[in-house]
N, C-alpha and C. Protein backbone atom coordinates (compact mmCIF):
# COMPACT_ATOMS: atom_id res chain seq x y z
N TYR A 1 -1.47 -2.13 6.81
CA TYR A 1 -1.53 -1.02 5.97
C TYR A 1 -2.53 -1.25 4.92
N VAL A 2 -3.30 -0.24 4.61
CA VAL A 2 -4.37 -0.30 3.57
C VAL A 2 -4.16 0.94 2.72
N GLY A 3 -4.11 0.68 1.40
CA GLY A 3 -4.02 1.80 0.52
C GLY A 3 -4.50 1.40 -0.92
N LYS A 4 -4.61 2.42 -1.76
CA LYS A 4 -4.99 2.16 -3.13
C LYS A 4 -3.98 2.81 -4.11
N ALA A 5 -3.97 2.26 -5.22
CA ALA A 5 -2.97 2.75 -6.28
C ALA A 5 -3.48 2.47 -7.69
N ARG A 6 -3.29 3.46 -8.47
CA ARG A 6 -3.71 3.26 -9.94
C ARG A 6 -2.72 2.40 -10.57
N ASP A 7 -1.38 2.43 -10.17
CA ASP A 7 -0.35 1.67 -10.70
C ASP A 7 0.27 0.91 -9.60
N LEU A 8 -0.14 -0.28 -9.34
CA LEU A 8 0.30 -1.03 -8.19
C LEU A 8 1.80 -1.41 -8.27
N ARG A 9 2.29 -1.68 -9.45
CA ARG A 9 3.70 -1.93 -9.66
C ARG A 9 4.51 -0.77 -9.16
N LYS A 10 4.18 0.42 -9.51
CA LYS A 10 4.88 1.53 -9.18
C LYS A 10 4.87 1.87 -7.71
N ARG A 11 3.60 1.74 -7.07
CA ARG A 11 3.42 1.93 -5.68
C ARG A 11 4.22 0.97 -4.91
N LEU A 12 4.26 -0.36 -5.09
CA LEU A 12 5.05 -1.26 -4.45
C LEU A 12 6.60 -1.07 -4.51
N ALA A 13 6.95 -0.72 -5.73
CA ALA A 13 8.45 -0.47 -6.02
C ALA A 13 8.85 0.80 -5.17
N SER A 14 7.94 1.79 -5.01
CA SER A 14 8.35 2.92 -4.17
C SER A 14 8.67 2.55 -2.74
N TYR A 15 8.02 1.47 -2.17
CA TYR A 15 8.30 1.00 -0.84
C TYR A 15 9.61 0.18 -0.74
N PHE A 16 9.74 -0.81 -1.71
CA PHE A 16 10.84 -1.70 -1.64
C PHE A 16 12.11 -1.29 -2.33
N MET A 17 12.03 -0.32 -3.22
CA MET A 17 13.19 0.18 -3.86
C MET A 17 13.08 1.78 -3.80
N PRO A 18 13.49 2.43 -2.73
CA PRO A 18 13.40 3.88 -2.59
C PRO A 18 14.22 4.49 -3.74
N SER A 19 13.80 5.70 -4.04
CA SER A 19 14.50 6.42 -5.20
C SER A 19 16.04 6.57 -4.79
N ARG A 20 16.84 6.83 -5.88
CA ARG A 20 18.24 6.94 -5.72
C ARG A 20 18.65 8.01 -4.71
N GLY A 21 19.60 7.69 -3.84
CA GLY A 21 20.04 8.62 -2.84
C GLY A 21 19.14 8.80 -1.64
N ARG A 22 18.00 8.11 -1.64
CA ARG A 22 17.08 8.18 -0.50
C ARG A 22 16.92 6.79 0.09
N THR A 23 16.71 6.69 1.39
CA THR A 23 16.38 5.44 1.99
C THR A 23 15.00 5.59 2.62
N ALA A 24 14.33 4.45 2.84
CA ALA A 24 13.03 4.50 3.43
C ALA A 24 13.13 4.94 4.89
N ASP A 25 12.21 5.70 5.41
CA ASP A 25 12.32 6.08 6.83
C ASP A 25 12.01 4.90 7.77
N HIS A 26 12.27 5.08 9.01
CA HIS A 26 12.27 4.09 10.05
C HIS A 26 10.81 3.36 10.04
N LYS A 27 9.75 4.19 9.95
CA LYS A 27 8.41 3.68 9.97
C LYS A 27 8.17 2.78 8.78
N THR A 28 8.53 3.20 7.55
CA THR A 28 8.32 2.41 6.41
C THR A 28 9.24 1.13 6.41
N ARG A 29 10.42 1.18 6.89
CA ARG A 29 11.28 -0.01 6.95
C ARG A 29 10.67 -0.99 7.85
N ALA A 30 10.16 -0.51 9.02
CA ALA A 30 9.51 -1.46 10.03
C ALA A 30 8.22 -2.12 9.34
N LEU A 31 7.53 -1.32 8.61
CA LEU A 31 6.32 -1.90 7.94
C LEU A 31 6.76 -2.98 6.98
N ILE A 32 7.74 -2.70 6.17
CA ILE A 32 8.19 -3.66 5.09
C ILE A 32 8.68 -4.86 5.80
N GLU A 33 9.39 -4.80 6.84
CA GLU A 33 9.99 -5.93 7.56
C GLU A 33 8.91 -6.82 8.18
N SER A 34 7.73 -6.16 8.44
CA SER A 34 6.66 -6.99 9.11
C SER A 34 5.70 -7.62 8.11
N ILE A 35 5.88 -7.49 6.80
CA ILE A 35 4.94 -7.96 5.84
C ILE A 35 5.25 -9.47 5.71
N TRP A 36 4.22 -10.26 5.73
CA TRP A 36 4.30 -11.69 5.50
C TRP A 36 3.39 -12.20 4.37
N ASP A 37 2.41 -11.35 4.06
CA ASP A 37 1.37 -11.64 3.05
C ASP A 37 0.72 -10.31 2.70
N PHE A 38 0.18 -10.36 1.51
CA PHE A 38 -0.68 -9.19 1.09
C PHE A 38 -1.80 -9.62 0.16
N GLU A 39 -2.74 -8.82 0.07
CA GLU A 39 -3.89 -9.23 -0.84
C GLU A 39 -4.11 -8.01 -1.78
N ILE A 40 -4.59 -8.39 -2.96
CA ILE A 40 -4.83 -7.36 -4.04
C ILE A 40 -6.36 -7.43 -4.35
N HIS A 41 -7.03 -6.34 -4.27
CA HIS A 41 -8.44 -6.32 -4.65
C HIS A 41 -8.61 -5.40 -5.86
N THR A 42 -9.14 -5.97 -6.91
CA THR A 42 -9.42 -5.17 -8.10
C THR A 42 -10.83 -4.59 -8.09
N VAL A 43 -10.99 -3.33 -8.30
CA VAL A 43 -12.37 -2.69 -8.46
C VAL A 43 -12.50 -2.05 -9.79
N ARG A 44 -13.79 -1.70 -10.02
CA ARG A 44 -14.09 -1.10 -11.36
C ARG A 44 -13.72 0.37 -11.54
N ASN A 45 -13.73 1.07 -10.39
CA ASN A 45 -13.55 2.57 -10.64
C ASN A 45 -13.09 3.21 -9.31
N GLU A 46 -12.75 4.53 -9.33
CA GLU A 46 -12.29 5.21 -8.25
C GLU A 46 -13.21 5.19 -7.07
N PRO A 47 -14.50 5.56 -7.28
CA PRO A 47 -15.45 5.63 -6.09
C PRO A 47 -15.51 4.22 -5.41
N GLU A 48 -15.56 3.21 -6.16
CA GLU A 48 -15.54 1.89 -5.57
C GLU A 48 -14.25 1.55 -4.75
N ALA A 49 -13.09 2.08 -5.28
CA ALA A 49 -11.90 1.96 -4.59
C ALA A 49 -11.83 2.67 -3.24
N LEU A 50 -12.34 3.88 -3.28
CA LEU A 50 -12.48 4.70 -2.13
C LEU A 50 -13.31 4.05 -0.98
N LEU A 51 -14.46 3.53 -1.42
CA LEU A 51 -15.35 2.83 -0.45
C LEU A 51 -14.69 1.61 0.11
N LEU A 52 -14.05 0.84 -0.70
CA LEU A 52 -13.37 -0.38 -0.17
C LEU A 52 -12.17 -0.06 0.70
N GLU A 53 -11.51 1.03 0.37
CA GLU A 53 -10.36 1.50 1.23
C GLU A 53 -10.90 1.83 2.53
N GLY A 54 -11.97 2.63 2.63
CA GLY A 54 -12.55 3.05 3.83
C GLY A 54 -13.06 1.88 4.77
N LYS A 55 -13.60 0.99 4.06
CA LYS A 55 -14.12 -0.23 4.80
C LYS A 55 -13.02 -1.02 5.37
N LEU A 56 -11.92 -1.26 4.64
CA LEU A 56 -10.80 -2.02 5.11
C LEU A 56 -10.07 -1.26 6.24
N ILE A 57 -9.88 -0.02 6.13
CA ILE A 57 -9.32 0.76 7.21
C ILE A 57 -10.03 0.54 8.49
N LYS A 58 -11.34 0.70 8.44
CA LYS A 58 -12.15 0.46 9.67
C LYS A 58 -12.08 -0.93 10.17
N GLU A 59 -12.03 -1.93 9.32
CA GLU A 59 -11.87 -3.34 9.64
C GLU A 59 -10.63 -3.62 10.39
N TYR A 60 -9.50 -3.10 9.89
CA TYR A 60 -8.17 -3.42 10.45
C TYR A 60 -7.77 -2.51 11.56
N ARG A 61 -8.50 -1.49 11.94
CA ARG A 61 -8.14 -0.60 13.11
C ARG A 61 -8.00 -1.33 14.34
């Protein structure tokens, strides 16, 4: 999975702690269960984030 977030803490919490009364769908649960490591890349601005995201998506396809 490759993605970007302005608030990483909030983004990760949305995957690991679904909102009250809702559970993660099957695809999201499978993704969470397969995580063994993750990397954080800090960039200076939104255009740089979009370029890096595109590059990483192509790399991991």
